[in-house]
Amino acid sequence: MKRLGFLLVLVTFLAPCTVSFATEYGDLYHVEWCPCNPDDRYGPDGAEVLGTTVMCPCDSTFDGYKKTLEKDLREVERQTKKAFQTAKSYKYYVGVDYNKSQLKSAGGVTNFNELIFSQVNGLDVPNDLLLDDQDNIGIVLGTRPHKNFGIEAFYNRTYNKNTVTQIDNDTIGNVDYHMVNTFVSKYQAYGIDLIGYLPVTDYFDFLAFVGLGKYEFDNKATFEKNYLEGGTGSPAVDTSSFDFSESQWAWRVGGGVQFNIARGVVLRSMYRFIKVNSDVVKYLQEFSVGIRFLF
């Protein structure tokens, strides 16, 4: 009985101390909940809370630095995406291509029937002998209004003349004839291509196209006949030249890849098949490398 009374007296004595101690702990350290903002140095009443202990489940010093770092990283990511989006939003471009062309002849022969020293029916020259591979430089102007679609205008021109020389010797009526035949060709082309793009990454695209172009071939043949004049032994030369130019609309199809190497600068590599079907040229194959400047 005495022990029970002693415990009751002890509890009665300590209870006020415990309550008082808890209150003083809170007052001493200013334990309170706060918004999750590590930069907030002021309380709800506007007073500076320096020196207070802030207990917030998401606002410790570590969490504050972590949140700031994550915020900075999100900003970098946002700026990066914005830069790529800006690059993709370029609508227009100009460019230059170097094209290596392989010409396929239409077969058959080309007849030159007005040679002053030919047979009555003229001279037949196989078309395969008139053509050779040619290189050209292309200038382009294009627009890409959508990430998957664009239009491009082009102008191509061979930067030198292609020359094929044939030498032949013949004897007619005990007279030796030395023949030198020279065929010179060049061409220019212009037209429109419709381009489809397949973006793979922000730096790389596949593309394919179909287009229509006007191809103008400027061809010239020169025939030179060297012989000794009968009885005199004096050298003589007969020369005849002919232009046999052609102009033909042609379908163009092909594909390639392009690399976005810098902001506003694109490298492109292409293959083109060009169906001409003229009297001399059947089709062309082009292998192309070029650069585009976007604006």
Protein backbone atom coordinates (compact mmCIF):
# COMPACT_ATOMS: atom_id res chain seq x y z
CA MET A 1 0.00 0.00 0.00
CA LYS A 2 2.87 2.28 0.84
CA ARG A 3 4.58 1.40 -2.48
CA LEU A 4 1.40 2.17 -4.46
CA GLY A 5 1.08 5.51 -2.77
CA PHE A 6 4.70 6.29 -3.50
CA LEU A 7 4.22 5.55 -7.23
CA LEU A 8 1.14 7.75 -7.40
CA VAL A 9 3.06 10.58 -5.78
CA LEU A 10 5.99 10.06 -8.22
CA VAL A 11 3.72 10.06 -11.32
CA THR A 12 1.94 13.14 -10.02
CA PHE A 13 5.29 14.86 -9.64
CA LEU A 14 6.83 13.87 -12.99
CA ALA A 15 3.82 14.35 -15.27
CA PRO A 16 3.97 18.17 -15.30
CA CYS A 17 7.72 17.98 -15.91
CA THR A 18 7.29 15.73 -18.94
CA VAL A 19 4.69 18.01 -20.52
CA SER A 20 6.80 21.02 -19.70
CA PHE A 21 9.91 19.37 -21.17
CA ALA A 22 8.13 18.54 -24.46
CA THR A 23 6.86 22.07 -24.79
CA GLU A 24 10.24 23.55 -24.07
CA TYR A 25 11.85 21.20 -26.67
CA GLY A 26 9.46 22.50 -29.32
CA ASP A 27 10.00 26.11 -28.35
CA LEU A 28 13.76 25.68 -28.20
CA TYR A 29 14.20 24.17 -31.68
CA HIS A 30 11.11 25.61 -33.38
CA VAL A 31 10.03 22.23 -34.73
CA GLU A 32 7.52 22.88 -37.51
CA TRP A 33 6.33 21.66 -40.93
CA CYS A 34 7.23 23.76 -43.93
CA PRO A 35 6.84 23.88 -47.76
CA CYS A 36 9.43 21.84 -49.65
CA ASN A 37 11.60 24.76 -50.72
CA PRO A 38 15.24 24.76 -49.60
CA ASP A 39 15.65 28.43 -50.52
CA ASP A 40 12.80 29.64 -48.28
CA ARG A 41 14.44 31.42 -45.34
CA TYR A 42 11.30 33.06 -43.93
CA GLY A 43 8.37 31.79 -41.96
CA PRO A 44 4.66 32.41 -42.56
CA ASP A 45 4.82 35.66 -40.60
CA GLY A 46 7.67 36.98 -42.70
CA ALA A 47 10.27 36.55 -39.98
CA GLU A 48 13.63 35.08 -40.85
CA VAL A 49 13.90 31.48 -39.69
CA LEU A 50 17.68 31.24 -39.58
CA GLY A 51 18.77 29.03 -36.72
CA THR A 52 15.54 27.06 -36.63
CA THR A 53 15.39 23.34 -37.15
CA VAL A 54 13.03 22.64 -40.01
CA MET A 55 11.53 19.18 -40.11
CA CYS A 56 10.15 18.51 -43.58
CA PRO A 57 10.01 15.03 -45.15
CA CYS A 58 11.25 16.28 -48.52
CA ASP A 59 13.34 19.29 -47.68
CA SER A 60 16.56 18.20 -46.03
CA THR A 61 19.84 19.78 -47.14
CA PHE A 62 20.64 16.75 -49.34
CA ASP A 63 17.18 16.76 -50.90
CA GLY A 64 17.55 20.47 -51.57
CA TYR A 65 20.79 20.03 -53.50
CA LYS A 66 19.34 17.02 -55.31
CA LYS A 67 16.27 18.97 -56.34
CA THR A 68 18.41 21.86 -57.55
CA LEU A 69 20.60 19.48 -59.61
CA GLU A 70 17.55 17.77 -61.10
CA LYS A 71 16.10 21.16 -61.94
CA ASP A 72 19.33 22.18 -63.70
CA LEU A 73 19.44 18.89 -65.62
CA ARG A 74 15.85 19.35 -66.71
CA GLU A 75 16.73 22.82 -67.95
CA VAL A 76 19.71 21.50 -69.93
CA GLU A 77 17.50 18.80 -71.42
CA ARG A 78 14.85 21.36 -72.27
CA GLN A 79 17.38 23.63 -73.97
CA THR A 80 18.85 20.68 -75.89
CA LYS A 81 15.44 19.59 -77.13
CA LYS A 82 14.68 23.17 -78.04
CA ALA A 83 17.90 23.38 -80.08
CA PHE A 84 17.07 20.16 -81.97
CA GLN A 85 13.52 21.33 -82.47
CA THR A 86 14.86 24.59 -83.86
CA ALA A 87 17.11 22.64 -86.23
CA LYS A 88 14.15 20.57 -87.38
CA SER A 89 12.06 23.69 -87.89
CA TYR A 90 14.33 25.00 -90.65
CA LYS A 91 12.10 25.29 -93.70
CA TYR A 92 14.48 26.14 -96.54
CA TYR A 93 17.95 25.22 -97.72
CA VAL A 94 20.46 25.63 -100.53
CA GLY A 95 23.11 23.12 -101.48
CA VAL A 96 25.76 21.86 -103.86
CA ASP A 97 26.21 18.29 -105.19
CA TYR A 98 29.03 16.54 -106.97
CA ASN A 99 27.50 13.91 -109.27
CA LYS A 100 29.33 11.10 -111.03
CA SER A 101 27.18 9.97 -113.97
CA GLN A 102 27.26 6.72 -115.91
CA LEU A 103 25.50 6.97 -119.28
CA LYS A 104 23.92 3.97 -120.95
CA SER A 105 23.40 4.26 -124.69
CA ALA A 106 20.10 3.47 -126.37
CA GLY A 107 21.86 1.01 -128.67
CA GLY A 108 21.68 1.11 -132.45
CA VAL A 109 23.59 3.59 -134.59
CA THR A 110 23.60 7.29 -135.42
CA ASN A 111 23.79 7.99 -139.16
CA PHE A 112 25.81 10.90 -140.56
CA ASN A 113 24.62 11.03 -144.12
CA GLU A 114 26.09 14.35 -145.23
CA LEU A 115 29.76 13.52 -145.04
CA ILE A 116 31.46 14.79 -148.18
CA PHE A 117 33.75 11.75 -148.25
CA SER A 118 31.31 9.08 -147.13
CA GLN A 119 29.35 6.50 -149.02
CA VAL A 120 25.99 7.45 -150.50
CA ASN A 121 24.09 6.22 -147.47
CA GLY A 122 26.35 8.09 -145.04
CA LEU A 123 28.38 6.80 -142.13
CA ASP A 124 26.79 4.78 -139.32
CA VAL A 125 28.42 5.15 -135.89
CA PRO A 126 27.33 2.86 -133.03
CA ASN A 127 25.84 4.88 -130.18
CA ASP A 128 27.96 2.94 -127.70
CA LEU A 129 30.99 4.72 -129.16
CA LEU A 130 29.51 8.18 -128.74
CA LEU A 131 29.11 8.16 -124.94
CA ASP A 132 31.31 7.93 -121.90
CA ASP A 133 30.89 8.57 -118.18
CA GLN A 134 30.54 12.22 -117.20
CA ASP A 135 30.70 14.23 -113.97
CA ASN A 136 28.58 17.24 -113.18
CA ILE A 137 27.99 19.83 -110.50
CA GLY A 138 24.48 20.38 -109.16
CA ILE A 139 22.94 23.38 -107.41
CA VAL A 140 19.77 22.81 -105.38
CA LEU A 141 17.15 24.91 -103.63
CA GLY A 142 14.73 23.07 -101.36
CA THR A 143 12.16 23.25 -98.62
CA ARG A 144 11.17 20.76 -95.91
CA PRO A 145 7.82 21.92 -94.50
CA HIS A 146 7.30 18.61 -92.65
CA LYS A 147 9.75 16.22 -91.02
CA ASN A 148 8.69 13.49 -93.50
CA PHE A 149 8.24 15.51 -96.69
CA GLY A 150 10.16 18.02 -98.83
CA ILE A 151 10.52 19.51 -102.32
CA GLU A 152 13.79 20.25 -104.09
CA ALA A 153 14.56 22.10 -107.33
CA PHE A 154 17.87 21.26 -109.04
CA TYR A 155 20.13 22.42 -111.82
CA ASN A 156 23.01 20.19 -113.05
CA ARG A 157 25.70 20.93 -115.58
CA THR A 158 28.77 19.00 -116.70
CA TYR A 159 31.87 20.99 -115.78
CA ASN A 160 33.91 19.77 -118.77
CA LYS A 161 33.26 18.26 -122.15
CA ASN A 162 33.46 14.53 -122.62
CA THR A 163 35.55 13.61 -125.67
CA VAL A 164 35.80 10.24 -127.40
CA THR A 165 38.33 9.85 -130.20
CA GLN A 166 38.41 7.04 -132.75
CA ILE A 167 41.22 6.37 -135.19
CA ASP A 168 40.78 4.16 -138.24
CA ASN A 169 42.75 3.38 -141.34
CA ASP A 170 41.38 2.22 -144.66
CA THR A 171 42.58 1.73 -148.21
CA ILE A 172 40.31 2.60 -151.11
CA GLY A 173 41.55 2.45 -154.71
CA ASN A 174 45.18 2.03 -153.62
CA VAL A 175 44.84 5.22 -151.55
CA ASP A 176 45.50 5.04 -147.82
CA TYR A 177 43.02 6.95 -145.70
CA HIS A 178 43.69 7.88 -142.10
CA MET A 179 40.43 8.66 -140.21
CA VAL A 180 40.22 10.56 -136.94
CA ASN A 181 36.68 10.81 -135.52
CA THR A 182 36.04 12.93 -132.44
CA PHE A 183 32.77 12.93 -130.50
CA VAL A 184 32.21 15.62 -127.89
CA SER A 185 29.23 15.61 -125.50
CA LYS A 186 28.02 17.59 -122.51
CA TYR A 187 24.65 18.12 -120.91
CA GLN A 188 22.64 20.19 -118.47
CA ALA A 189 19.49 19.30 -116.56
CA TYR A 190 16.90 20.99 -114.37
CA GLY A 191 13.72 19.90 -112.65
CA ILE A 192 11.87 19.08 -109.40
CA ASP A 193 12.18 16.20 -106.92
CA LEU A 194 9.63 15.18 -104.26
CA ILE A 195 11.51 13.85 -101.23
CA GLY A 196 10.33 11.59 -98.41
CA TYR A 197 12.30 11.55 -95.13
CA LEU A 198 12.52 8.84 -92.49
CA PRO A 199 14.19 10.34 -89.38
CA VAL A 200 16.13 7.76 -87.38
CA THR A 201 17.78 10.07 -84.84
CA ASP A 202 18.23 13.80 -84.46
CA TYR A 203 21.41 13.41 -86.50
CA PHE A 204 20.49 10.89 -89.21
CA ASP A 205 17.75 10.50 -91.86
CA PHE A 206 16.96 8.04 -94.61
CA LEU A 207 15.37 9.59 -97.70
CA ALA A 208 13.87 8.58 -101.02
CA PHE A 209 12.63 10.67 -103.93
CA VAL A 210 10.85 10.73 -107.25
CA GLY A 211 11.19 13.59 -109.71
CA LEU A 212 11.01 14.92 -113.25
CA GLY A 213 13.83 16.67 -115.10
CA LYS A 214 14.59 18.15 -118.50
CA TYR A 215 17.90 16.82 -119.88
CA GLU A 216 19.57 18.73 -122.72
CA PHE A 217 22.48 16.91 -124.41
CA ASP A 218 24.82 18.98 -126.55
CA ASN A 219 26.65 16.54 -128.84
CA LYS A 220 29.07 17.20 -131.65
CA ALA A 221 30.87 14.86 -134.05
CA THR A 222 33.95 15.79 -136.09
CA PHE A 223 35.25 13.56 -138.88
CA GLU A 224 38.72 14.14 -140.23
CA LYS A 225 40.03 12.27 -143.29
CA ASN A 226 43.75 12.37 -144.04
CA TYR A 227 45.10 11.03 -147.35
CA LEU A 228 47.54 11.67 -150.15
CA GLU A 229 46.12 13.32 -153.25
CA GLY A 230 46.31 11.06 -156.25
CA GLY A 231 49.37 11.53 -158.43
CA THR A 232 50.83 14.44 -156.47
CA GLY A 233 51.66 12.80 -153.17
CA SER A 234 50.53 15.96 -151.38
CA PRO A 235 48.74 15.49 -148.03
CA ALA A 236 45.10 16.47 -147.95
CA VAL A 237 42.54 16.71 -145.18
CA ASP A 238 38.78 16.64 -145.44
CA THR A 239 36.86 17.66 -142.30
CA SER A 240 33.17 17.62 -141.51
CA SER A 241 31.43 18.50 -138.22
CA PHE A 242 27.88 17.81 -137.10
CA ASP A 243 25.79 18.79 -134.12
CA PHE A 244 23.27 16.20 -132.99
CA SER A 245 21.87 17.72 -129.80
CA GLU A 246 18.92 16.23 -127.94
CA SER A 247 16.45 17.48 -125.35
CA GLN A 248 14.34 15.02 -123.39
CA TRP A 249 12.17 14.88 -120.26
CA ALA A 250 13.30 12.15 -117.85
CA TRP A 251 11.98 10.43 -114.73
CA ARG A 252 14.25 10.37 -111.68
CA VAL A 253 14.04 7.98 -108.71
CA GLY A 254 16.50 7.13 -105.97
CA GLY A 255 17.39 7.31 -102.32
CA GLY A 256 20.13 7.95 -99.83
CA VAL A 257 21.08 9.16 -96.37
CA GLN A 258 21.87 12.46 -94.75
CA PHE A 259 23.80 13.43 -91.62
CA ASN A 260 23.07 16.54 -89.57
CA ILE A 261 26.68 17.34 -88.69
CA ALA A 262 26.04 20.78 -87.17
CA ARG A 263 23.27 23.21 -86.59
CA GLY A 264 22.03 24.18 -90.04
CA VAL A 265 24.54 22.01 -91.95
CA VAL A 266 23.69 18.65 -93.53
CA LEU A 267 25.80 16.17 -95.50
CA ARG A 268 23.96 14.03 -98.05
CA SER A 269 24.83 10.96 -100.13
CA MET A 270 22.46 9.80 -102.90
CA TYR A 271 21.94 7.31 -105.73
CA ARG A 272 19.77 8.32 -108.70
CA PHE A 273 18.38 6.36 -111.62
CA ILE A 274 17.33 8.62 -114.50
CA LYS A 275 15.22 7.22 -117.34
CA VAL A 276 15.89 9.33 -120.45
CA ASN A 277 14.97 7.21 -123.50
CA SER A 278 16.40 9.60 -126.06
CA ASP A 279 17.76 8.52 -129.44
CA VAL A 280 21.30 8.21 -128.06
CA VAL A 281 20.94 7.93 -124.24
CA LYS A 282 18.74 5.28 -122.64
CA TYR A 283 19.34 6.08 -118.96
CA LEU A 284 21.80 7.55 -116.49
CA GLN A 285 22.97 6.40 -113.08
CA GLU A 286 24.27 9.05 -110.69
CA PHE A 287 26.26 8.68 -107.49
CA SER A 288 26.16 11.90 -105.55
CA VAL A 289 27.64 13.57 -102.46
CA GLY A 290 26.65 17.04 -101.35
CA ILE A 291 26.08 19.57 -98.61
CA ARG A 292 23.00 21.53 -97.55
CA PHE A 293 22.85 24.83 -95.68
CA LEU A 294 19.54 25.29 -93.82
CA PHE A 295 17.88 28.58 -92.98
